[in-house]
Amino acid sequence: MAARPTNTVRRRRQLILGSLLLSGQSQAGVARKTGVSRGLVCHVIAGRKRHPKVEAALARVCRMKVAELWED
């Protein structure tokens, strides 16, 4: 059975998805800009994988520093 996401991961996911929605961007758009798959972007948002380029792109969407968004 897969581990359940922590509250921190859930809050981060909600923040990222909300920021994407408000900015009119999509996970697919982030994937295109960073040259990775949509699946990888989804996994990074869900906290299952780490990828520096994707994390930086998502932090820019949220108008945060990478270290602030991924502080764990």
Protein backbone atom coordinates (compact mmCIF):
# COMPACT_ATOMS: atom_id res chain seq x y z
CA MET A 1 0.00 0.00 0.00
CA ALA A 2 1.33 3.45 -0.91
CA ALA A 3 2.11 5.92 1.82
CA ARG A 4 -0.41 8.70 2.33
CA PRO A 5 0.77 12.25 1.63
CA THR A 6 1.50 14.44 4.64
CA ASN A 7 -0.39 17.65 5.36
CA THR A 8 2.61 19.63 4.10
CA VAL A 9 2.52 17.82 0.77
CA ARG A 10 -1.24 18.34 0.50
CA ARG A 11 -0.94 22.07 1.23
CA ARG A 12 1.90 22.45 -1.27
CA ARG A 13 -0.15 20.62 -3.91
CA GLN A 14 -3.17 22.86 -3.30
CA LEU A 15 -0.99 25.98 -3.47
CA ILE A 16 0.62 24.91 -6.76
CA LEU A 17 -2.63 23.84 -8.41
CA GLY A 18 -4.35 27.04 -7.28
CA SER A 19 -1.48 29.17 -8.57
CA LEU A 20 -1.54 27.36 -11.91
CA LEU A 21 -5.28 27.99 -12.19
CA LEU A 22 -5.06 31.67 -11.24
CA SER A 23 -2.18 32.30 -13.63
CA GLY A 24 -3.91 30.55 -16.52
CA GLN A 25 -1.13 27.98 -16.84
CA SER A 26 -1.30 24.21 -16.85
CA GLN A 27 0.81 21.26 -15.82
CA ALA A 28 1.27 20.50 -19.53
CA GLY A 29 2.55 24.04 -20.11
CA VAL A 30 5.08 23.67 -17.30
CA ALA A 31 6.14 20.35 -18.82
CA ARG A 32 6.65 21.94 -22.25
CA LYS A 33 8.66 24.84 -20.82
CA THR A 34 10.94 22.55 -18.81
CA GLY A 35 11.24 19.83 -21.46
CA VAL A 36 9.85 17.02 -19.33
CA SER A 37 6.72 14.87 -19.42
CA ARG A 38 3.37 15.90 -17.96
CA GLY A 39 3.57 12.81 -15.77
CA LEU A 40 6.80 13.99 -14.18
CA VAL A 41 5.26 17.38 -13.40
CA CYS A 42 2.32 15.59 -11.79
CA HIS A 43 4.65 13.41 -9.72
CA VAL A 44 6.64 16.44 -8.55
CA ILE A 45 3.46 18.26 -7.52
CA ALA A 46 2.26 15.15 -5.65
CA GLY A 47 5.61 14.89 -3.85
CA ARG A 48 6.48 11.48 -5.31
CA LYS A 49 9.53 12.68 -7.29
CA ARG A 50 12.04 15.52 -7.21
CA HIS A 51 13.29 17.41 -10.27
CA PRO A 52 15.14 20.74 -9.91
CA LYS A 53 13.94 22.28 -13.19
CA VAL A 54 10.30 21.41 -12.53
CA GLU A 55 10.49 22.57 -8.90
CA ALA A 56 11.97 25.90 -10.04
CA ALA A 57 9.28 26.38 -12.69
CA LEU A 58 6.50 25.62 -10.21
CA ALA A 59 8.04 27.96 -7.63
CA ARG A 60 8.01 30.76 -10.24
CA VAL A 61 4.31 30.09 -10.90
CA CYS A 62 3.66 30.38 -7.15
CA ARG A 63 5.90 33.46 -6.93
CA MET A 64 7.99 31.79 -4.27
CA LYS A 65 11.58 30.71 -3.90
CA VAL A 66 12.29 27.02 -4.46
CA ALA A 67 13.54 26.64 -0.87
CA GLU A 68 10.29 28.13 0.46
CA LEU A 69 8.04 25.86 -1.57
CA TRP A 70 10.08 22.70 -1.00
CA GLU A 71 11.29 23.32 2.54
CA ASP A 72 11.14 19.68 3.66
